[in-house]
Protein backbone atom coordinates (compact mmCIF):
# COMPACT_ATOMS: atom_id res chain seq x y z
CA MET A 1 39.71 79.06 86.52
CA THR A 2 43.27 80.30 86.79
CA ALA A 3 44.91 81.91 89.79
CA THR A 4 44.63 85.24 87.96
CA THR A 5 40.86 85.13 88.30
CA ASN A 6 41.27 84.20 91.95
CA ARG A 7 38.73 81.40 92.15
CA PRO A 8 41.16 78.85 93.59
CA THR A 9 39.86 75.38 94.24
CA THR A 10 42.62 72.87 93.60
CA THR A 11 45.24 71.53 95.95
CA PRO A 12 48.92 72.39 95.47
CA THR A 13 51.08 69.73 93.85
CA ARG A 14 54.03 68.29 95.74
CA VAL A 15 57.31 67.86 93.89
CA GLY A 16 60.92 67.64 94.90
CA THR A 17 62.46 66.77 98.25
CA VAL A 18 64.32 68.58 100.98
CA ASP A 19 66.17 66.32 103.41
CA GLY A 20 64.16 63.42 102.07
CA ALA A 21 60.77 65.05 102.71
CA ALA A 22 58.35 66.10 99.98
CA THR A 23 58.00 69.85 99.66
CA THR A 24 55.29 72.06 98.22
CA ILE A 25 56.81 73.98 95.36
CA ARG A 26 55.43 77.51 95.47
CA PRO A 27 51.73 76.52 95.55
CA LYS A 28 49.57 78.63 93.24
CA LYS A 29 46.16 77.99 94.76
CA PRO A 30 44.89 77.87 98.33
CA ILE A 31 42.26 75.42 99.44
CA LEU A 32 39.23 77.52 100.37
CA ALA A 33 36.71 76.06 102.77
CA ALA A 34 33.12 75.90 101.52
CA THR A 35 31.69 76.88 104.90
CA GLY A 36 32.79 77.98 108.35
CA GLY A 37 35.86 80.16 108.75
CA PRO A 38 39.30 80.43 110.36
CA ALA A 39 39.67 79.95 114.09
CA HIS A 40 40.50 83.64 114.50
CA ARG A 41 39.65 86.33 111.99
CA PRO A 42 41.70 89.57 111.77
CA SER A 43 40.77 92.06 114.47
CA ALA A 44 39.08 94.35 111.92
CA ALA A 45 36.77 91.50 110.90
CA ALA A 46 36.38 89.78 114.28
CA HIS A 47 32.84 91.14 114.67
CA LEU A 48 31.62 89.26 111.57
CA THR A 49 29.91 85.89 111.89
CA ASP A 50 30.46 83.03 109.46
CA ALA A 51 27.08 83.87 107.93
CA ASP A 52 28.12 87.51 107.50
CA VAL A 53 31.32 86.51 105.72
CA GLU A 54 29.50 84.06 103.48
CA ARG A 55 26.99 86.73 102.52
CA LEU A 56 29.78 89.24 101.83
CA GLY A 57 31.49 86.72 99.56
CA ARG A 58 28.30 86.20 97.58
CA GLU A 59 27.85 89.97 97.20
CA LEU A 60 31.36 90.45 95.87
CA ASP A 61 31.06 87.48 93.53
CA ALA A 62 27.85 89.00 92.17
CA LEU A 63 29.56 92.38 91.73
CA ARG A 64 32.39 90.78 89.76
CA ASP A 65 30.00 88.75 87.61
CA ARG A 66 27.96 91.86 86.82
CA ILE A 67 31.02 93.76 85.57
CA ILE A 68 32.14 90.78 83.49
CA SER A 69 28.70 90.48 81.89
CA THR A 70 28.83 94.14 80.78
CA ARG A 71 32.33 94.17 79.26
CA GLY A 72 32.16 95.26 75.66
CA ALA A 73 33.11 97.62 72.87
CA LYS A 74 33.52 100.64 75.13
CA ASP A 75 36.09 98.83 77.27
CA ALA A 76 37.97 97.51 74.23
CA ALA A 77 38.05 101.00 72.72
CA TYR A 78 39.52 102.33 75.97
CA ILE A 79 42.54 100.05 76.10
CA ARG A 80 43.22 100.44 72.37
CA ARG A 81 43.11 104.22 72.77
CA VAL A 82 45.54 104.12 75.69
CA ILE A 83 47.92 101.93 73.69
CA ARG A 84 47.78 104.35 70.73
CA ILE A 85 48.52 107.30 73.00
CA GLN A 86 51.37 105.44 74.70
CA ARG A 87 53.01 104.41 71.44
CA THR A 88 52.65 107.89 69.98
CA LEU A 89 54.28 109.42 73.05
CA GLU A 90 57.13 106.92 72.88
CA VAL A 91 57.84 107.49 69.16
CA VAL A 92 57.61 111.28 69.42
CA GLY A 93 59.61 111.29 72.66
CA ARG A 94 62.46 109.26 71.17
CA ALA A 95 62.38 111.37 67.98
CA THR A 96 62.61 114.54 70.04
CA LEU A 97 65.61 113.14 71.91
CA LEU A 98 67.44 112.98 68.57
CA LEU A 99 67.64 116.77 68.86
CA SER A 100 68.21 116.79 72.62
CA LYS A 101 71.39 118.82 72.39
CA LYS A 102 68.91 121.64 72.66
CA LYS A 103 67.72 121.86 76.26
CA SER A 104 64.03 122.27 75.40
CA ALA A 105 64.12 119.15 73.21
CA PHE A 106 65.89 117.21 75.96
CA VAL A 107 63.24 118.15 78.54
CA ALA A 108 60.31 117.54 76.17
CA GLY A 109 61.68 114.24 74.85
CA THR A 110 62.53 112.92 78.30
CA ALA A 111 59.10 113.94 79.64
CA MET A 112 57.20 112.25 76.80
CA LEU A 113 59.28 109.09 77.04
CA SER A 114 58.79 109.01 80.82
CA VAL A 115 55.00 109.25 80.48
CA ALA A 116 55.04 106.61 77.72
CA LYS A 117 56.99 104.21 79.91
CA ILE A 118 54.70 104.80 82.89
CA LEU A 119 51.59 104.17 80.78
CA GLU A 120 53.07 101.03 79.25
CA ASN A 121 54.18 99.67 82.61
CA MET A 122 51.18 100.59 84.74
CA GLU A 123 47.93 100.93 82.78
CA ILE A 124 48.86 98.63 79.90
CA GLY A 125 51.53 96.03 80.72
CA HIS A 126 50.54 95.26 84.32
CA ASN A 127 46.86 94.95 83.47
CA VAL A 128 47.28 93.06 80.20
CA LEU A 129 49.48 90.52 82.00
CA HIS A 130 46.70 90.05 84.56
CA GLY A 131 44.48 88.84 81.73
CA GLN A 132 42.15 91.82 82.06
CA TRP A 133 41.78 92.06 78.28
CA ASP A 134 42.00 88.38 77.29
CA TRP A 135 38.23 88.34 76.73
CA MET A 136 38.77 90.53 73.63
CA ARG A 137 40.51 87.59 71.90
CA ASP A 138 43.00 90.06 70.42
CA PRO A 139 46.37 88.28 70.08
CA ASP A 140 48.17 91.64 70.29
CA ILE A 141 46.59 92.54 73.66
CA HIS A 142 46.69 89.22 75.47
CA SER A 143 48.37 87.99 78.65
CA THR A 144 50.05 85.12 76.79
CA THR A 145 51.69 87.29 74.11
CA TRP A 146 52.43 90.66 75.74
CA GLU A 147 56.04 91.44 76.64
CA TRP A 148 56.34 94.69 78.55
CA ASP A 149 58.91 97.48 78.78
CA PHE A 150 60.46 96.15 81.97
CA VAL A 151 63.69 94.22 82.57
CA THR A 152 61.96 91.24 84.18
CA PRO A 153 60.36 88.86 81.64
CA ALA A 154 56.57 88.81 81.63
CA ALA A 155 56.39 85.08 82.36
CA ALA A 156 58.53 85.36 85.51
CA TRP A 157 56.54 88.33 86.80
CA LYS A 158 53.20 86.62 86.17
CA HIS A 159 54.34 83.74 88.39
CA THR A 160 55.56 85.76 91.36
CA HIS A 161 52.89 88.44 91.07
CA ASN A 162 49.72 86.84 89.71
CA ASP A 163 50.16 83.32 91.06
CA LEU A 164 51.81 84.04 94.40
CA HIS A 165 51.28 87.62 95.54
CA HIS A 166 47.63 87.91 94.52
CA THR A 167 46.81 84.51 95.99
CA TRP A 168 48.66 84.82 99.30
CA THR A 169 48.30 88.58 99.77
CA ASN A 170 50.24 89.73 102.85
CA VAL A 171 50.53 86.24 104.35
CA LEU A 172 53.96 86.26 105.96
CA GLY A 173 56.01 83.30 104.78
CA LYS A 174 54.00 82.88 101.57
CA ASP A 175 53.75 86.36 100.05
CA LYS A 176 57.35 87.42 99.43
CA ASP A 177 56.13 90.79 98.13
CA VAL A 178 56.08 91.83 101.79
CA GLY A 179 59.57 93.33 101.67
CA TYR A 180 60.60 91.61 98.42
CA SER A 181 62.85 89.26 100.42
CA THR A 182 65.06 92.25 101.29
CA LEU A 183 63.17 94.92 103.23
CA ARG A 184 61.52 94.43 106.61
CA MET A 185 57.99 95.78 106.09
CA ALA A 186 55.97 94.15 108.88
CA GLU A 187 56.36 94.05 112.65
CA ASP A 188 55.71 90.30 112.55
CA GLN A 189 58.88 89.82 110.50
CA PRO A 190 61.84 89.03 112.79
CA TRP A 191 64.33 91.88 113.06
CA ARG A 192 67.90 91.23 111.91
CA PRO A 193 70.86 93.63 112.16
CA PHE A 194 70.82 93.78 108.36
CA ASN A 195 67.45 95.55 108.55
CA ILE A 196 69.16 98.71 109.77
CA LEU A 197 69.85 99.26 106.05
CA ASN A 198 66.12 99.38 105.25
CA PRO A 199 66.10 103.09 104.26
CA ALA A 200 69.30 102.88 102.20
CA ILE A 201 68.12 99.77 100.35
CA ASN A 202 64.75 101.34 99.58
CA LEU A 203 66.41 104.57 98.42
CA ILE A 204 68.46 102.58 95.91
CA LEU A 205 65.53 100.34 95.00
CA ALA A 206 63.25 103.20 93.94
CA PRO A 207 65.16 104.50 90.85
CA PHE A 208 66.24 100.95 89.91
CA PHE A 209 62.93 99.28 90.76
CA GLU A 210 62.73 97.21 87.56
CA TRP A 211 66.13 95.67 88.32
CA GLY A 212 65.10 94.87 91.87
CA ILE A 213 61.97 93.15 90.57
CA ALA A 214 64.00 91.20 87.99
CA ILE A 215 66.27 89.85 90.74
CA TYR A 216 63.29 89.18 92.99
CA ASP A 217 61.50 87.25 90.23
CA LEU A 218 64.46 84.86 90.00
CA GLU A 219 63.34 83.52 93.43
CA LEU A 220 66.87 83.02 94.69
CA GLU A 221 65.52 82.30 98.15
CA ALA A 222 63.48 79.41 96.73
CA VAL A 223 66.64 78.03 95.13
CA LYS A 224 68.46 78.27 98.45
CA ASP A 225 65.60 76.48 100.23
CA GLY A 226 65.50 73.73 97.63
CA GLU A 227 62.05 74.72 96.35
CA LYS A 228 63.35 75.72 92.92
CA SER A 229 65.85 73.69 90.92
CA LYS A 230 69.13 75.07 89.63
CA ASP A 231 68.06 74.11 86.12
CA ASP A 232 64.99 76.34 86.50
CA LEU A 233 67.24 79.14 87.76
CA LYS A 234 69.52 78.77 84.73
CA ARG A 235 66.51 78.91 82.44
CA ASP A 236 65.23 82.06 84.15
CA LEU A 237 68.67 83.68 84.08
CA LYS A 238 68.82 83.14 80.33
CA ALA A 239 65.37 84.71 79.95
CA VAL A 240 66.44 87.74 81.98
CA GLY A 241 69.63 87.99 79.93
CA ARG A 242 67.67 88.08 76.70
CA LYS A 243 65.36 90.75 78.12
CA VAL A 244 68.29 92.86 79.32
CA VAL A 245 69.83 92.77 75.85
CA ARG A 246 66.51 93.82 74.34
CA GLN A 247 66.01 96.70 76.77
CA PHE A 248 69.60 97.93 76.51
CA THR A 249 69.53 97.78 72.72
CA LYS A 250 66.37 99.86 72.55
CA ASP A 251 67.17 102.44 75.24
CA TYR A 252 70.93 102.68 75.48
CA ALA A 253 72.09 101.77 71.98
CA ALA A 254 69.50 102.42 69.27
CA THR A 255 68.22 105.79 70.49
CA PRO A 256 71.65 107.32 71.36
CA LEU A 257 73.19 105.99 68.11
CA ALA A 258 70.35 107.51 66.09
CA ALA A 259 70.96 110.82 67.87
CA MET A 260 74.72 110.89 67.24
CA PRO A 261 74.51 112.38 63.70
CA PHE A 262 72.64 115.31 65.31
CA GLY A 263 75.30 115.70 67.99
CA SER A 264 72.86 114.55 70.66
CA GLY A 265 74.09 111.02 71.42
CA LYS A 266 75.11 111.75 75.00
CA GLN A 267 71.94 113.73 75.75
CA ALA A 268 69.75 110.98 74.29
CA LEU A 269 71.50 108.40 76.47
CA ILE A 270 70.94 110.53 79.57
CA GLY A 271 67.34 111.18 78.53
CA THR A 272 66.44 107.50 78.19
CA PHE A 273 68.19 106.66 81.46
CA THR A 274 66.28 109.48 83.18
CA ALA A 275 62.97 108.30 81.70
CA ASN A 276 63.57 104.80 83.06
CA ALA A 277 64.48 106.19 86.48
CA ILE A 278 61.34 108.38 86.57
CA ARG A 279 59.17 105.41 85.60
CA ASN A 280 60.85 103.24 88.25
CA VAL A 281 60.38 105.80 91.04
CA TRP A 282 56.73 106.28 90.05
CA ALA A 283 56.04 102.53 89.95
CA HIS A 284 57.82 102.04 93.27
CA SER A 285 55.74 104.80 94.87
CA VAL A 286 52.44 103.45 93.55
CA ILE A 287 53.21 99.90 94.68
CA PHE A 288 54.32 101.01 98.14
CA CYS A 289 51.23 103.22 98.52
CA GLY A 290 49.01 100.26 97.78
CA HIS A 291 50.66 97.82 100.17
CA PHE A 292 52.52 99.52 103.01
CA PRO A 293 50.81 102.67 104.37
CA ASP A 294 49.10 102.85 107.76
CA GLY A 295 45.98 100.70 107.95
CA VAL A 296 47.27 97.82 105.81
CA ASP A 297 47.41 94.52 107.69
CA THR A 298 49.53 91.38 107.40
CA PHE A 299 48.55 87.83 108.28
CA THR A 300 50.11 84.61 109.56
CA GLU A 301 49.74 81.23 107.88
CA GLU A 302 47.73 80.04 110.88
CA GLU A 303 45.22 82.85 110.40
CA ILE A 304 44.26 81.66 106.93
CA GLU A 305 43.61 78.05 107.93
CA GLY A 306 39.93 77.42 107.20
CA GLU A 307 39.67 80.56 105.05
CA THR A 308 36.51 80.71 102.93
CA ARG A 309 35.84 82.67 99.76
CA GLY A 310 34.48 85.55 101.85
CA ASP A 311 37.49 85.44 104.18
CA TRP A 312 39.79 85.58 101.14
CA TYR A 313 38.00 88.74 99.99
CA ILE A 314 38.37 90.26 103.46
CA ARG A 315 42.10 89.56 103.43
CA GLN A 316 42.42 91.39 100.11
CA MET A 317 40.53 94.38 101.55
CA LEU A 318 42.54 94.57 104.75
CA GLY A 319 45.85 93.95 102.96
CA SER A 320 45.48 96.79 100.44
CA ALA A 321 45.13 100.58 100.37
CA ASN A 322 43.78 102.98 97.75
CA ILE A 323 45.07 106.36 96.56
CA SER A 324 42.62 109.23 96.15
CA GLY A 325 43.03 111.64 93.25
CA SER A 326 41.98 112.72 89.78
CA LYS A 327 41.04 110.56 86.80
CA LEU A 328 44.42 111.31 85.20
CA MET A 329 46.21 110.17 88.35
CA HIS A 330 44.21 106.92 88.32
CA ILE A 331 45.24 106.24 84.71
CA MET A 332 48.89 107.02 85.44
CA THR A 333 48.87 104.55 88.33
CA GLY A 334 47.39 101.87 86.07
CA ASN A 335 44.29 102.24 88.26
CA LEU A 336 46.31 100.65 91.05
CA SER A 337 45.10 103.67 92.97
CA HIS A 338 42.09 101.31 93.31
CA GLN A 339 44.31 98.69 94.91
CA ILE A 340 41.51 97.26 97.09
CA GLU A 341 39.30 96.66 94.06
CA HIS A 342 42.24 95.34 92.05
CA HIS A 343 43.18 92.81 94.71
CA CYS A 344 39.62 91.56 94.99
CA PHE A 345 39.11 91.45 91.21
CA PRO A 346 42.52 91.42 89.46
CA ASP A 347 41.10 90.25 86.13
CA LEU A 348 38.49 93.00 85.69
CA PRO A 349 39.29 95.75 83.14
CA SER A 350 41.15 98.53 84.93
CA ASN A 351 38.87 101.24 83.54
CA ARG A 352 35.97 99.71 85.50
CA TYR A 353 37.61 99.90 88.93
CA ALA A 354 36.28 103.42 89.57
CA GLU A 355 32.67 102.24 89.38
CA VAL A 356 33.46 99.10 91.37
CA ALA A 357 35.04 101.30 94.07
CA VAL A 358 31.73 103.07 94.73
CA GLU A 359 30.03 99.78 95.60
CA MET A 360 33.08 98.40 97.39
CA ARG A 361 33.20 101.37 99.76
CA GLU A 362 29.48 100.99 100.51
CA ILE A 363 29.90 97.26 101.19
CA CYS A 364 32.82 97.92 103.54
CA GLN A 365 30.78 100.50 105.45
CA ARG A 366 27.81 98.17 105.70
CA TYR A 367 29.91 95.30 107.06
CA GLY A 368 31.95 97.53 109.38
CA LEU A 369 35.22 96.92 107.52
CA PRO A 370 37.90 99.59 106.99
CA TYR A 371 38.37 101.07 103.53
CA THR A 372 41.85 102.54 103.66
CA THR A 373 42.51 105.37 101.22
CA GLY A 374 44.29 108.71 101.12
CA PRO A 375 46.17 111.17 98.89
CA MET A 376 49.41 109.97 97.35
CA PRO A 377 51.79 112.29 99.28
CA LYS A 378 50.36 111.06 102.56
CA GLN A 379 50.50 107.40 101.52
CA VAL A 380 54.10 107.76 100.29
CA TYR A 381 55.08 109.41 103.58
CA GLN A 382 53.46 106.65 105.63
CA ALA A 383 55.12 103.90 103.57
CA TRP A 384 58.55 105.51 103.92
CA ALA A 385 57.95 106.11 107.63
CA LYS A 386 57.32 102.37 107.97
CA VAL A 387 60.58 101.66 106.10
CA PHE A 388 62.47 103.76 108.67
CA ARG A 389 60.51 102.49 111.68
CA LEU A 390 60.98 98.81 110.87
CA ALA A 391 64.71 99.30 110.31
CA LEU A 392 64.84 99.13 114.10
CA PRO A 393 63.70 96.34 116.43
CA ASN A 394 60.10 96.44 117.64
CA ARG A 395 59.58 98.63 120.67
CA PRO A 396 58.85 96.56 123.78
CA ARG A 397 55.24 96.71 124.79
CA PRO A 398 54.53 98.29 128.18
CA LEU A 399 53.66 95.83 130.90
CA PRO A 400 50.03 95.85 132.06
CA LYS A 401 49.20 97.22 135.50
CA ASN A 402 48.74 93.72 136.85
CA ALA A 403 52.09 92.65 135.40
CA ALA A 404 52.86 90.56 138.46
CA HIS A 405 49.93 88.29 137.59
CA ALA A 406 50.52 88.35 133.84
CA VAL A 407 54.13 87.19 133.61
CA ASN A 408 53.13 83.80 132.26
CA ALA A 409 50.22 85.09 130.16
CA PRO A 410 50.46 84.36 126.42
CA VAL A 411 51.67 87.30 124.35
CA PRO A 412 49.24 88.18 121.55
CA PRO A 413 50.70 88.50 118.05
CA ARG A 414 51.64 92.02 117.02
CA ARG A 415 49.13 93.46 114.59
CA SER A 416 49.27 96.63 112.55
CA ALA A 417 46.71 99.29 113.40
CA LEU A 418 43.45 99.11 111.49
CA PRO A 419 41.16 102.05 112.34
CA MET A 420 37.50 101.26 111.84
CA VAL A 421 36.84 104.22 109.58
CA ALA A 422 35.58 104.59 106.04
CA SER A 423 38.73 106.35 104.92
CA VAL A 424 41.87 107.99 106.19
CA GLY A 425 43.37 111.15 104.84
């Protein structure tokens, strides 16, 4: 099974050398232990025995298998309906922008195009590229053929997101999505003077999120470390260049040029730029709500040594957060408002996450594990508060009362707070 289905069993291949030593080139699959567990589980799961974790893993495997066995016509009809709605909104939105010299047409066209781009990016593109609809055997809705409305090429994103992020969720040093190689988003990350720019960088990143992801997907850090060849970088740069030309032609050339005979060329240009910015801010907010609010934990490489299937599931639960809200909100987030369920089962159809969430919450309660969720405004606030807080060095911990006897005591690793509650907010 592929990394997308998250049943990793094979060992990473070793290619290339750095200073004469073989290096692991961005391994796609961890080696999960059949039995036992890591030497130290996260504090929120420390009360679980190896038998508990094994049983939890079997329960979640059974839940996934049950959903897969019931996929069918209703699910296929759902994604096809969403695609029809999205494409209709895009065509009508762009057509309306042809007359955008009139303020009402500008607002309506920009709004429809914004919603179309959000649907394509979140509920369609993201989930199609996860292989959620590959079982339909429809070549037009398949992870190997879909190219989304985003600057970064689908192939590059599938590598950094599906292969790396979803495999090594929140493992510092392996999951570069923790801060996207730019922001400091965990206390365990060393503070550098550059991090004082955290808020400014994030403020710029939000409206230009797709461009930030495109740069991130080039894996420039891997090139610097010798883990990615310059030839591979050149290949990826060419792919990004082709995608940029495609996106610019569609948004900033074709639509404004078509609007020029109606005297609306400038307004159409501003409208498409605004729609992209709105989509980017929305995607940025959803992603940050699912990964960085209070209650989401990070992990060290040492903590995943000896990780079993059940431990892998636990890491996905503790490293993700949900967003509470209406059915429409769930669709507009691409059902990433069910981030916990998505990280445990990234290849399940997104329209099934709501029913999976009911059982997932019950399982978390039964095993004494936190199920972090809350309304979007609160999650956005907490994520941004973390951006500001981690722009500064960690606050020194107060010395214990018996400090005189504890000078040489080992300092425990800093962990983010994980309240043992069913939900927050």
